[in-house]
Amino acid sequence: MKKKFIGLCLLSLMMALPSSVSAQVENGFKKMDVRKEFSENAFSWFHEGELLAAGDKEKSNAMTIGWGGIGTLWGRTALTVYVAEKRYTKEFMDKSEYFTVMAFDVEHSNVLRYMGTKSGRDGDRSATQGDACPDKKAAALGLHTAYTSNGTPYYTEAEMVIECKIMYAAPFDPQYFKSDAPKRMYANFPAGIHSMYIGEVVNAWRK
């Protein structure tokens, strides 16, 4: 009887704690079917600036992205992002199985500006817990990091979160540049050549 009581108490405690499975719902998000409910213009969505995040509960990082693509590939709903060689987030993308892309409302425009100009390597220690902080830039902005059931980081302040499982990743090879556009881009680009990450959309939520 005593063991049963303890078991029920533990079960109640587990149900009361924020779980990764229901974290999105608890943070005000609702599940979204991107094929039916994604209503943004795919040709302009990335131009407006989105946030890319990767990592785990031990350490993660995010950066603003202005390039990307949405569509289908290999029979999967796919989202493609690009990360330059010297970006701190690339280290996390190369180690991670999943990543998230987040959209923010205009009230959080400072998030995109900060994430696009500051490196997580140098995060604002005065606003964080130093190396013990899993995401220095998020802490500096006062953002709250949560995790999907796959352990992928995202911020509860986002308006939309799309989680992807990486299907393909590779850097651009200059020998295959067929026009002047990429050649001019990288002629004077200190962050280095971009890598392409194609992810299968496995989850999506919006407020």
N, C-alpha and C. Protein backbone atom coordinates (compact mmCIF):
# COMPACT_ATOMS: atom_id res chain seq x y z
N MET A 1 0.83 -1.20 0.00
CA MET A 1 0.00 0.00 0.00
C MET A 1 0.87 1.26 0.00
N LYS A 2 1.94 1.19 0.82
CA LYS A 2 2.85 2.33 0.92
C LYS A 2 3.55 2.58 -0.42
N LYS A 3 3.99 1.47 -1.08
CA LYS A 3 4.66 1.60 -2.37
C LYS A 3 3.72 2.19 -3.41
N LYS A 4 2.45 1.77 -3.35
CA LYS A 4 1.45 2.28 -4.30
C LYS A 4 1.24 3.76 -4.10
N PHE A 5 1.20 4.18 -2.82
CA PHE A 5 1.01 5.60 -2.51
C PHE A 5 2.18 6.43 -3.02
N ILE A 6 3.41 5.93 -2.80
CA ILE A 6 4.60 6.65 -3.27
C ILE A 6 4.60 6.74 -4.79
N GLY A 7 4.19 5.62 -5.43
CA GLY A 7 4.13 5.63 -6.88
C GLY A 7 3.14 6.65 -7.41
N LEU A 8 1.99 6.75 -6.78
CA LEU A 8 0.99 7.74 -7.19
C LEU A 8 1.50 9.15 -6.99
N CYS A 9 2.23 9.38 -5.91
CA CYS A 9 2.80 10.71 -5.64
C CYS A 9 3.81 11.09 -6.70
N LEU A 10 4.67 10.13 -7.06
CA LEU A 10 5.67 10.39 -8.09
C LEU A 10 5.02 10.68 -9.43
N LEU A 11 3.95 9.91 -9.73
CA LEU A 11 3.23 10.13 -10.99
C LEU A 11 2.61 11.51 -11.01
N SER A 12 2.02 11.93 -9.90
CA SER A 12 1.41 13.25 -9.82
C SER A 12 2.44 14.34 -9.98
N LEU A 13 3.61 14.13 -9.38
CA LEU A 13 4.69 15.11 -9.48
C LEU A 13 5.17 15.23 -10.91
N MET A 14 5.32 14.10 -11.59
CA MET A 14 5.77 14.11 -12.98
C MET A 14 4.76 14.80 -13.88
N MET A 15 3.49 14.61 -13.60
CA MET A 15 2.45 15.25 -14.41
C MET A 15 2.40 16.74 -14.16
N ALA A 16 2.80 17.16 -12.96
CA ALA A 16 2.76 18.58 -12.62
C ALA A 16 3.95 19.33 -13.18
N LEU A 17 5.06 18.63 -13.39
CA LEU A 17 6.26 19.30 -13.89
C LEU A 17 6.12 19.56 -15.38
N PRO A 18 6.76 20.66 -15.89
CA PRO A 18 6.73 20.92 -17.33
C PRO A 18 7.44 19.80 -18.08
N SER A 19 6.75 19.11 -18.94
CA SER A 19 7.36 18.03 -19.71
C SER A 19 7.72 18.53 -21.09
N SER A 20 8.75 17.92 -21.67
CA SER A 20 9.18 18.36 -22.99
C SER A 20 8.10 18.07 -24.03
N VAL A 21 7.30 17.01 -23.80
CA VAL A 21 6.28 16.65 -24.77
C VAL A 21 5.19 17.71 -24.86
N SER A 22 4.82 18.27 -23.71
CA SER A 22 3.74 19.24 -23.70
C SER A 22 4.23 20.67 -23.51
N ALA A 23 5.55 20.85 -23.62
CA ALA A 23 6.12 22.18 -23.36
C ALA A 23 5.53 23.25 -24.25
N GLN A 24 5.29 22.91 -25.53
CA GLN A 24 4.77 23.90 -26.46
C GLN A 24 3.36 24.35 -26.04
N VAL A 25 2.52 23.40 -25.67
CA VAL A 25 1.16 23.73 -25.25
C VAL A 25 1.19 24.59 -24.00
N GLU A 26 2.05 24.21 -23.05
CA GLU A 26 2.14 24.96 -21.80
C GLU A 26 2.65 26.37 -22.02
N ASN A 27 3.39 26.59 -23.08
CA ASN A 27 3.93 27.91 -23.35
C ASN A 27 3.07 28.70 -24.33
N GLY A 28 1.85 28.28 -24.52
CA GLY A 28 0.90 29.04 -25.34
C GLY A 28 0.88 28.70 -26.81
N PHE A 29 1.55 27.63 -27.21
CA PHE A 29 1.59 27.23 -28.61
C PHE A 29 0.53 26.19 -28.92
N LYS A 30 0.13 26.16 -30.16
CA LYS A 30 -0.79 25.13 -30.64
C LYS A 30 -0.15 24.41 -31.81
N LYS A 31 -0.38 23.14 -31.88
CA LYS A 31 0.18 22.32 -32.96
C LYS A 31 -0.31 22.84 -34.31
N MET A 32 0.58 22.82 -35.31
CA MET A 32 0.24 23.34 -36.63
C MET A 32 0.66 22.35 -37.70
N ASP A 33 -0.19 22.17 -38.69
CA ASP A 33 0.13 21.37 -39.87
C ASP A 33 0.64 22.34 -40.93
N VAL A 34 1.94 22.34 -41.17
CA VAL A 34 2.52 23.34 -42.07
C VAL A 34 1.97 23.24 -43.49
N ARG A 35 1.62 22.05 -43.92
CA ARG A 35 1.10 21.89 -45.28
C ARG A 35 -0.25 22.56 -45.46
N LYS A 36 -1.01 22.63 -44.38
CA LYS A 36 -2.35 23.21 -44.45
C LYS A 36 -2.44 24.61 -43.84
N GLU A 37 -1.60 24.90 -42.85
CA GLU A 37 -1.78 26.12 -42.07
C GLU A 37 -0.67 27.16 -42.21
N PHE A 38 0.42 26.83 -42.87
CA PHE A 38 1.48 27.82 -43.07
C PHE A 38 1.01 28.80 -44.13
N SER A 39 0.69 30.02 -43.72
CA SER A 39 0.06 30.98 -44.63
C SER A 39 0.99 32.10 -45.09
N GLU A 40 2.24 32.12 -44.59
CA GLU A 40 3.17 33.17 -44.98
C GLU A 40 3.65 32.96 -46.43
N ASN A 41 4.08 34.05 -47.03
CA ASN A 41 4.64 33.98 -48.38
C ASN A 41 6.05 33.39 -48.28
N ALA A 42 6.24 32.20 -48.81
CA ALA A 42 7.52 31.51 -48.68
C ALA A 42 8.66 32.26 -49.36
N PHE A 43 8.34 33.12 -50.34
CA PHE A 43 9.37 33.87 -51.05
C PHE A 43 9.87 35.06 -50.25
N SER A 44 9.10 35.49 -49.27
CA SER A 44 9.50 36.67 -48.49
C SER A 44 9.71 36.37 -47.01
N TRP A 45 9.27 35.20 -46.56
CA TRP A 45 9.31 34.89 -45.14
C TRP A 45 10.72 35.00 -44.56
N PHE A 46 11.69 34.43 -45.22
CA PHE A 46 13.06 34.48 -44.69
C PHE A 46 13.67 35.87 -44.84
N HIS A 47 13.25 36.60 -45.85
CA HIS A 47 13.77 37.96 -46.02
C HIS A 47 13.45 38.83 -44.81
N GLU A 48 12.33 38.54 -44.17
CA GLU A 48 11.91 39.32 -43.01
C GLU A 48 12.72 38.97 -41.77
N GLY A 49 13.47 37.89 -41.83
CA GLY A 49 14.33 37.50 -40.73
C GLY A 49 13.68 36.51 -39.78
N GLU A 50 14.29 35.37 -39.62
CA GLU A 50 13.83 34.35 -38.68
C GLU A 50 15.01 33.96 -37.80
N LEU A 51 14.74 33.14 -36.80
CA LEU A 51 15.78 32.73 -35.87
C LEU A 51 16.00 31.22 -36.01
N LEU A 52 17.26 30.83 -36.09
CA LEU A 52 17.64 29.43 -36.18
C LEU A 52 18.32 29.03 -34.87
N ALA A 53 17.92 27.90 -34.30
CA ALA A 53 18.53 27.44 -33.05
C ALA A 53 18.86 25.96 -33.13
N ALA A 54 19.95 25.58 -32.46
CA ALA A 54 20.34 24.17 -32.39
C ALA A 54 21.12 23.96 -31.10
N GLY A 55 21.21 22.71 -30.69
CA GLY A 55 21.92 22.38 -29.47
C GLY A 55 21.10 21.45 -28.60
N ASP A 56 21.39 21.45 -27.31
CA ASP A 56 20.66 20.61 -26.37
C ASP A 56 20.52 21.34 -25.05
N LYS A 57 20.09 20.61 -24.02
CA LYS A 57 19.85 21.25 -22.72
C LYS A 57 21.14 21.66 -22.02
N GLU A 58 22.24 21.07 -22.46
CA GLU A 58 23.53 21.44 -21.89
C GLU A 58 24.05 22.76 -22.46
N LYS A 59 23.87 22.93 -23.77
CA LYS A 59 24.38 24.13 -24.44
C LYS A 59 23.69 24.29 -25.79
N SER A 60 23.34 25.51 -26.12
CA SER A 60 22.68 25.78 -27.40
C SER A 60 23.02 27.18 -27.87
N ASN A 61 22.67 27.47 -29.10
CA ASN A 61 22.91 28.80 -29.64
C ASN A 61 21.91 29.09 -30.75
N ALA A 62 21.69 30.36 -30.99
CA ALA A 62 20.76 30.77 -32.04
C ALA A 62 21.35 31.92 -32.83
N MET A 63 20.88 32.10 -34.05
CA MET A 63 21.33 33.19 -34.90
C MET A 63 20.19 33.61 -35.82
N THR A 64 20.24 34.86 -36.25
CA THR A 64 19.26 35.36 -37.20
C THR A 64 19.63 34.89 -38.60
N ILE A 65 18.64 34.46 -39.36
CA ILE A 65 18.88 34.02 -40.74
C ILE A 65 17.96 34.79 -41.69
N GLY A 66 18.49 35.12 -42.86
CA GLY A 66 17.71 35.80 -43.87
C GLY A 66 17.58 34.99 -45.14
N TRP A 67 18.19 33.80 -45.12
CA TRP A 67 18.11 32.89 -46.27
C TRP A 67 17.41 31.62 -45.85
N GLY A 68 16.68 31.03 -46.77
CA GLY A 68 16.05 29.75 -46.49
C GLY A 68 15.08 29.36 -47.58
N GLY A 69 14.60 28.15 -47.48
CA GLY A 69 13.65 27.67 -48.47
C GLY A 69 12.66 26.70 -47.85
N ILE A 70 11.46 26.67 -48.39
CA ILE A 70 10.40 25.79 -47.91
C ILE A 70 9.81 25.05 -49.10
N GLY A 71 9.59 23.76 -48.95
CA GLY A 71 9.01 23.01 -50.06
C GLY A 71 8.97 21.52 -49.77
N THR A 72 9.19 20.72 -50.79
CA THR A 72 9.19 19.27 -50.64
C THR A 72 10.45 18.69 -51.25
N LEU A 73 10.95 17.63 -50.66
CA LEU A 73 12.14 16.96 -51.16
C LEU A 73 12.13 15.52 -50.65
N TRP A 74 12.43 14.57 -51.56
CA TRP A 74 12.46 13.15 -51.21
C TRP A 74 11.14 12.71 -50.56
N GLY A 75 10.04 13.32 -51.02
CA GLY A 75 8.74 12.96 -50.50
C GLY A 75 8.44 13.49 -49.11
N ARG A 76 9.29 14.42 -48.63
CA ARG A 76 9.13 14.98 -47.28
C ARG A 76 8.85 16.47 -47.34
N THR A 77 8.15 16.97 -46.36
CA THR A 77 8.01 18.41 -46.22
C THR A 77 9.33 18.94 -45.69
N ALA A 78 9.95 19.83 -46.43
CA ALA A 78 11.34 20.21 -46.13
C ALA A 78 11.52 21.70 -45.92
N LEU A 79 12.49 22.03 -45.09
CA LEU A 79 12.89 23.41 -44.84
C LEU A 79 14.41 23.46 -44.90
N THR A 80 14.93 24.40 -45.68
CA THR A 80 16.37 24.51 -45.87
C THR A 80 16.90 25.80 -45.27
N VAL A 81 18.01 25.70 -44.55
CA VAL A 81 18.66 26.88 -43.98
C VAL A 81 20.14 26.85 -44.35
N TYR A 82 20.78 27.99 -44.20
CA TYR A 82 22.18 28.13 -44.58
C TYR A 82 22.95 28.80 -43.45
N VAL A 83 24.11 28.24 -43.10
CA VAL A 83 24.92 28.78 -42.01
C VAL A 83 26.36 28.89 -42.48
N ALA A 84 26.95 30.07 -42.32
CA ALA A 84 28.32 30.30 -42.77
C ALA A 84 29.32 29.57 -41.87
N GLU A 85 30.45 29.28 -42.45
CA GLU A 85 31.49 28.45 -41.82
C GLU A 85 31.92 28.95 -40.44
N LYS A 86 32.07 30.26 -40.27
CA LYS A 86 32.61 30.79 -39.03
C LYS A 86 31.55 31.18 -38.00
N ARG A 87 30.29 30.94 -38.31
CA ARG A 87 29.24 31.25 -37.35
C ARG A 87 29.28 30.23 -36.21
N TYR A 88 29.11 30.72 -35.00
CA TYR A 88 29.14 29.85 -33.82
C TYR A 88 28.04 28.80 -33.89
N THR A 89 26.90 29.16 -34.44
CA THR A 89 25.77 28.23 -34.52
C THR A 89 26.11 27.01 -35.37
N LYS A 90 27.04 27.14 -36.30
CA LYS A 90 27.39 26.02 -37.17
C LYS A 90 27.91 24.83 -36.36
N GLU A 91 28.64 25.12 -35.28
CA GLU A 91 29.15 24.04 -34.44
C GLU A 91 28.00 23.19 -33.89
N PHE A 92 26.91 23.87 -33.54
CA PHE A 92 25.76 23.18 -32.98
C PHE A 92 24.97 22.44 -34.07
N MET A 93 24.87 23.07 -35.23
CA MET A 93 24.17 22.43 -36.33
C MET A 93 24.87 21.13 -36.75
N ASP A 94 26.19 21.14 -36.74
CA ASP A 94 26.94 19.97 -37.17
C ASP A 94 26.88 18.83 -36.16
N LYS A 95 26.56 19.15 -34.92
CA LYS A 95 26.48 18.12 -33.88
C LYS A 95 25.05 17.66 -33.62
N SER A 96 24.09 18.43 -34.10
CA SER A 96 22.70 18.17 -33.75
C SER A 96 21.97 17.33 -34.79
N GLU A 97 20.95 16.63 -34.35
CA GLU A 97 20.09 15.87 -35.25
C GLU A 97 18.90 16.71 -35.69
N TYR A 98 18.54 17.70 -34.85
CA TYR A 98 17.39 18.55 -35.10
C TYR A 98 17.77 20.03 -34.99
N PHE A 99 16.94 20.88 -35.57
CA PHE A 99 17.07 22.32 -35.36
C PHE A 99 15.68 22.94 -35.39
N THR A 100 15.57 24.15 -34.88
CA THR A 100 14.30 24.87 -34.94
C THR A 100 14.48 26.19 -35.67
N VAL A 101 13.43 26.60 -36.37
CA VAL A 101 13.37 27.92 -36.98
C VAL A 101 12.18 28.63 -36.34
N MET A 102 12.43 29.85 -35.86
CA MET A 102 11.40 30.58 -35.11
C MET A 102 11.09 31.92 -35.75
N ALA A 103 9.83 32.30 -35.68
CA ALA A 103 9.39 33.62 -36.13
C ALA A 103 8.94 34.40 -34.90
N PHE A 104 9.19 35.72 -34.93
CA PHE A 104 8.81 36.60 -33.82
C PHE A 104 7.93 37.73 -34.33
N ASP A 105 7.12 38.28 -33.44
CA ASP A 105 6.30 39.42 -33.82
C ASP A 105 7.13 40.69 -33.76
N VAL A 106 6.57 41.81 -34.20
CA VAL A 106 7.31 43.07 -34.29
C VAL A 106 7.75 43.56 -32.92
N GLU A 107 7.06 43.16 -31.87
CA GLU A 107 7.43 43.58 -30.53
C GLU A 107 8.78 43.00 -30.11
N HIS A 108 9.19 41.96 -30.77
CA HIS A 108 10.47 41.33 -30.45
C HIS A 108 11.50 41.53 -31.56
N SER A 109 11.39 42.62 -32.30
CA SER A 109 12.33 42.88 -33.38
C SER A 109 13.76 43.03 -32.86
N ASN A 110 13.91 43.42 -31.59
CA ASN A 110 15.24 43.54 -31.01
C ASN A 110 15.93 42.19 -30.92
N VAL A 111 15.15 41.12 -30.83
CA VAL A 111 15.71 39.77 -30.77
C VAL A 111 16.48 39.46 -32.04
N LEU A 112 15.86 39.74 -33.19
CA LEU A 112 16.52 39.45 -34.47
C LEU A 112 17.75 40.32 -34.66
N ARG A 113 17.67 41.58 -34.23
CA ARG A 113 18.83 42.47 -34.39
C ARG A 113 20.00 41.98 -33.53
N TYR A 114 19.71 41.66 -32.29
CA TYR A 114 20.77 41.21 -31.37
C TYR A 114 21.37 39.88 -31.82
N MET A 115 20.50 38.94 -32.14
CA MET A 115 20.98 37.61 -32.53
C MET A 115 21.76 37.64 -33.84
N GLY A 116 21.53 38.68 -34.64
CA GLY A 116 22.22 38.79 -35.90
C GLY A 116 23.54 39.52 -35.82
N THR A 117 23.81 40.17 -34.68
CA THR A 117 25.03 40.96 -34.56
C THR A 117 25.96 40.49 -33.45
N LYS A 118 25.46 39.68 -32.53
CA LYS A 118 26.27 39.21 -31.41
C LYS A 118 26.57 37.73 -31.57
N SER A 119 27.76 37.33 -31.14
CA SER A 119 28.15 35.93 -31.20
C SER A 119 27.98 35.27 -29.84
N GLY A 120 27.48 34.05 -29.85
CA GLY A 120 27.35 33.30 -28.61
C GLY A 120 28.69 32.97 -27.98
N ARG A 121 29.76 33.05 -28.77
CA ARG A 121 31.09 32.80 -28.21
C ARG A 121 31.45 33.86 -27.17
N ASP A 122 30.91 35.07 -27.38
CA ASP A 122 31.27 36.19 -26.52
C ASP A 122 30.13 36.65 -25.62
N GLY A 123 29.05 35.87 -25.53
CA GLY A 123 27.83 36.29 -24.84
C GLY A 123 28.04 37.24 -23.68
N ASP A 124 27.05 38.03 -23.37
CA ASP A 124 27.11 39.03 -22.31
C ASP A 124 27.11 38.33 -20.96
N ARG A 125 28.28 38.15 -20.38
CA ARG A 125 28.38 37.43 -19.12
C ARG A 125 27.71 38.17 -17.97
N SER A 126 27.61 39.47 -18.06
CA SER A 126 26.96 40.22 -17.00
C SER A 126 25.48 39.89 -16.92
N ALA A 127 24.93 39.38 -18.01
CA ALA A 127 23.51 39.07 -18.04
C ALA A 127 23.25 37.57 -17.98
N THR A 128 24.31 36.79 -17.82
CA THR A 128 24.15 35.34 -17.80
C THR A 128 24.84 34.76 -16.58
N GLN A 129 24.95 33.45 -16.61
CA GLN A 129 25.64 32.74 -15.54
C GLN A 129 27.00 32.26 -16.02
N GLY A 130 27.61 33.00 -16.91
CA GLY A 130 28.91 32.61 -17.42
C GLY A 130 28.83 31.35 -18.24
N ASP A 131 29.85 30.49 -18.15
CA ASP A 131 29.89 29.28 -18.95
C ASP A 131 28.81 28.28 -18.55
N ALA A 132 28.22 28.46 -17.36
CA ALA A 132 27.18 27.54 -16.92
C ALA A 132 25.86 27.79 -17.65
N CYS A 133 25.73 28.95 -18.29
CA CYS A 133 24.49 29.29 -18.98
C CYS A 133 24.43 28.55 -20.30
N PRO A 134 23.36 27.79 -20.59
CA PRO A 134 23.31 27.01 -21.83
C PRO A 134 23.19 27.87 -23.08
N ASP A 135 22.69 29.11 -22.96
CA ASP A 135 22.52 29.98 -24.12
C ASP A 135 22.72 31.43 -23.67
N LYS A 136 23.92 31.94 -23.88
CA LYS A 136 24.28 33.26 -23.37
C LYS A 136 23.48 34.38 -24.03
N LYS A 137 23.30 34.28 -25.33
CA LYS A 137 22.58 35.36 -26.03
C LYS A 137 21.12 35.42 -25.59
N ALA A 138 20.50 34.26 -25.40
CA ALA A 138 19.12 34.24 -24.96
C ALA A 138 18.99 34.86 -23.58
N ALA A 139 19.93 34.52 -22.70
CA ALA A 139 19.90 35.07 -21.35
C ALA A 139 20.08 36.58 -21.36
N ALA A 140 20.94 37.06 -22.24
CA ALA A 140 21.18 38.50 -22.33
C ALA A 140 19.93 39.25 -22.77
N LEU A 141 19.08 38.58 -23.56
CA LEU A 141 17.85 39.20 -24.04
C LEU A 141 16.66 38.96 -23.13
N GLY A 142 16.85 38.12 -22.13
CA GLY A 142 15.74 37.78 -21.24
C GLY A 142 14.80 36.76 -21.85
N LEU A 143 15.26 36.03 -22.87
CA LEU A 143 14.42 35.01 -23.49
C LEU A 143 14.42 33.75 -22.63
N HIS A 144 13.35 33.00 -22.74
CA HIS A 144 13.22 31.77 -21.98
C HIS A 144 13.35 30.57 -22.92
N THR A 145 14.35 29.75 -22.67
CA THR A 145 14.61 28.59 -23.51
C THR A 145 13.79 27.39 -23.03
N ALA A 146 13.12 26.75 -23.97
CA ALA A 146 12.39 25.51 -23.70
C ALA A 146 12.85 24.48 -24.72
N TYR A 147 12.35 23.25 -24.58
CA TYR A 147 12.82 22.18 -25.45
C TYR A 147 11.65 21.33 -25.94
N THR A 148 11.77 20.88 -27.17
CA THR A 148 10.75 20.00 -27.73
C THR A 148 10.93 18.60 -27.14
N SER A 149 10.06 17.69 -27.53
CA SER A 149 10.19 16.31 -27.05
C SER A 149 11.46 15.65 -27.58
N ASN A 150 12.04 16.22 -28.64
CA ASN A 150 13.31 15.73 -29.18
C ASN A 150 14.51 16.40 -28.55
N GLY A 151 14.25 17.33 -27.62
CA GLY A 151 15.34 18.03 -26.94
C GLY A 151 15.88 19.22 -27.71
N THR A 152 15.16 19.67 -28.73
CA THR A 152 15.60 20.80 -29.55
C THR A 152 15.22 22.11 -28.88
N PRO A 153 16.16 23.06 -28.76
CA PRO A 153 15.85 24.32 -28.09
C PRO A 153 14.98 25.25 -28.93
N TYR A 154 14.15 26.01 -28.23
CA TYR A 154 13.38 27.09 -28.85
C TYR A 154 13.07 28.10 -27.76
N TYR A 155 12.58 29.28 -28.15
CA TYR A 155 12.28 30.33 -27.16
C TYR A 155 10.78 30.50 -27.03
N THR A 156 10.32 30.58 -25.80
CA THR A 156 8.88 30.66 -25.56
C THR A 156 8.28 31.97 -26.04
N GLU A 157 9.11 32.96 -26.29
CA GLU A 157 8.62 34.25 -26.78
C GLU A 157 8.33 34.25 -28.27
N ALA A 158 8.72 33.21 -28.98
CA ALA A 158 8.48 33.12 -30.42
C ALA A 158 6.99 33.02 -30.72
N GLU A 159 6.61 33.43 -31.93
CA GLU A 159 5.23 33.31 -32.38
C GLU A 159 5.00 32.00 -33.13
N MET A 160 6.05 31.50 -33.75
CA MET A 160 5.97 30.25 -34.50
C MET A 160 7.27 29.49 -34.33
N VAL A 161 7.17 28.18 -34.18
CA VAL A 161 8.34 27.31 -34.06
C VAL A 161 8.18 26.15 -35.01
N ILE A 162 9.17 25.95 -35.87
CA ILE A 162 9.18 24.80 -36.78
C ILE A 162 10.41 23.96 -36.45
N GLU A 163 10.17 22.70 -36.13
CA GLU A 163 11.26 21.79 -35.78
C GLU A 163 11.56 20.87 -36.96
N CYS A 164 12.84 20.74 -37.27
CA CYS A 164 13.25 19.93 -38.41
C CYS A 164 14.31 18.91 -38.02
N LYS A 165 14.24 17.76 -38.67
CA LYS A 165 15.27 16.74 -38.52
C LYS A 165 16.18 16.80 -39.75
N ILE A 166 17.46 16.96 -39.52
CA ILE A 166 18.38 17.15 -40.63
C ILE A 166 18.48 15.91 -41.50
N MET A 167 18.22 16.09 -42.79
CA MET A 167 18.33 15.00 -43.77
C MET A 167 19.62 15.09 -44.57
N TYR A 168 20.12 16.31 -44.74
CA TYR A 168 21.31 16.52 -45.58
C TYR A 168 22.04 17.77 -45.11
N ALA A 169 23.36 17.72 -45.10
CA ALA A 169 24.16 18.89 -44.74
C ALA A 169 25.48 18.86 -45.50
N ALA A 170 25.82 19.96 -46.12
CA ALA A 170 27.08 20.04 -46.87
C ALA A 170 27.40 21.50 -47.19
N PRO A 171 28.69 21.85 -47.23
CA PRO A 171 29.07 23.21 -47.63
C PRO A 171 28.97 23.39 -49.13
N PHE A 172 28.77 24.62 -49.56
CA PHE A 172 28.79 24.91 -50.98
C PHE A 172 30.20 24.65 -51.53
N ASP A 173 30.27 24.15 -52.73
CA ASP A 173 31.54 23.92 -53.40
C ASP A 173 31.69 24.96 -54.50
N PRO A 174 32.65 25.89 -54.36
CA PRO A 174 32.81 26.97 -55.34
C PRO A 174 32.98 26.51 -56.78
N GLN A 175 33.47 25.31 -56.98
CA GLN A 175 33.68 24.86 -58.36
C GLN A 175 32.36 24.67 -59.11
N TYR A 176 31.25 24.63 -58.35
CA TYR A 176 29.96 24.45 -58.99
C TYR A 176 29.14 25.74 -59.07
N PHE A 177 29.75 26.86 -58.70
CA PHE A 177 29.05 28.14 -58.86
C PHE A 177 28.88 28.42 -60.35
N LYS A 178 27.65 28.64 -60.79
CA LYS A 178 27.37 28.80 -62.21
C LYS A 178 27.06 30.24 -62.62
N SER A 179 27.04 31.15 -61.67
CA SER A 179 26.78 32.55 -62.01
C SER A 179 27.66 33.44 -61.15
N ASP A 180 27.60 34.74 -61.42
CA ASP A 180 28.41 35.68 -60.66
C ASP A 180 27.85 35.94 -59.27
N ALA A 181 26.57 35.61 -59.04
CA ALA A 181 25.95 35.91 -57.75
C ALA A 181 26.71 35.29 -56.57
N PRO A 182 26.96 33.99 -56.54
CA PRO A 182 27.71 33.42 -55.41
C PRO A 182 29.18 33.84 -55.42
N LYS A 183 29.73 34.01 -56.60
CA LYS A 183 31.15 34.41 -56.68
C LYS A 183 31.34 35.78 -56.05
N ARG A 184 30.45 36.71 -56.34
CA ARG A 184 30.54 38.05 -55.76
C ARG A 184 30.25 38.02 -54.27
N MET A 185 29.32 37.16 -53.87
CA MET A 185 28.95 37.05 -52.46
C MET A 185 30.15 36.68 -51.61
N TYR A 186 30.91 35.70 -52.05
CA TYR A 186 32.01 35.19 -51.25
C TYR A 186 33.36 35.83 -51.55
N ALA A 187 33.39 36.76 -52.49
CA ALA A 187 34.64 37.45 -52.81
C ALA A 187 35.13 38.27 -51.62
N ASN A 188 34.20 38.77 -50.83
CA ASN A 188 34.58 39.57 -49.66
C ASN A 188 33.59 39.31 -48.52
N PHE A 189 33.56 38.06 -48.09
CA PHE A 189 32.64 37.64 -47.04
C PHE A 189 33.44 36.93 -45.94
N PRO A 190 33.80 37.62 -44.88
CA PRO A 190 34.70 37.06 -43.86
C PRO A 190 34.16 35.86 -43.10
N ALA A 191 32.84 35.65 -43.10
CA ALA A 191 32.27 34.52 -42.34
C ALA A 191 32.47 33.19 -43.05
N GLY A 192 32.92 33.23 -44.31
CA GLY A 192 33.21 32.00 -45.03
C GLY A 192 32.03 31.44 -45.80
N ILE A 193 32.30 30.35 -46.51
CA ILE A 193 31.30 29.68 -47.34
C ILE A 193 30.16 29.14 -46.47
N HIS A 194 28.95 29.23 -46.98
CA HIS A 194 27.81 28.69 -46.25
C HIS A 194 27.68 27.17 -46.44
N SER A 195 27.13 26.53 -45.43
CA SER A 195 26.71 25.14 -45.55
C SER A 195 25.19 25.12 -45.64
N MET A 196 24.68 24.16 -46.38
CA MET A 196 23.24 24.00 -46.55
C MET A 196 22.76 22.85 -45.67
N TYR A 197 21.69 23.11 -44.93
CA TYR A 197 21.10 22.09 -44.07
C TYR A 197 19.64 21.91 -44.50
N ILE A 198 19.33 20.73 -45.00
CA ILE A 198 17.96 20.43 -45.41
C ILE A 198 17.31 19.59 -44.32
N GLY A 199 16.23 20.10 -43.75
CA GLY A 199 15.58 19.39 -42.68
C GLY A 199 14.16 18.97 -43.02
N GLU A 200 13.79 17.80 -42.58
CA GLU A 200 12.39 17.37 -42.70
C GLU A 200 11.60 18.01 -41.57
N VAL A 201 10.51 18.67 -41.89
CA VAL A 201 9.67 19.28 -40.86
C VAL A 201 8.96 18.15 -40.10
N VAL A 202 9.29 18.04 -38.81
CA VAL A 202 8.70 16.98 -38.00
C VAL A 202 7.66 17.53 -37.00
N ASN A 203 7.76 18.82 -36.70
CA ASN A 203 6.81 19.44 -35.78
C ASN A 203 6.69 20.93 -36.10
N ALA A 204 5.56 21.50 -35.79
CA ALA A 204 5.39 22.95 -35.95
C ALA A 204 4.31 23.41 -34.99
N TRP A 205 4.53 24.60 -34.42
CA TRP A 205 3.57 25.18 -33.47
C TRP A 205 3.48 26.68 -33.72
N ARG A 206 2.34 27.25 -33.42
CA ARG A 206 2.21 28.71 -33.47
C ARG A 206 1.23 29.16 -32.40
N LYS A 207 1.32 30.42 -32.02
CA LYS A 207 0.43 30.97 -30.99
C LYS A 207 -0.83 31.54 -31.63
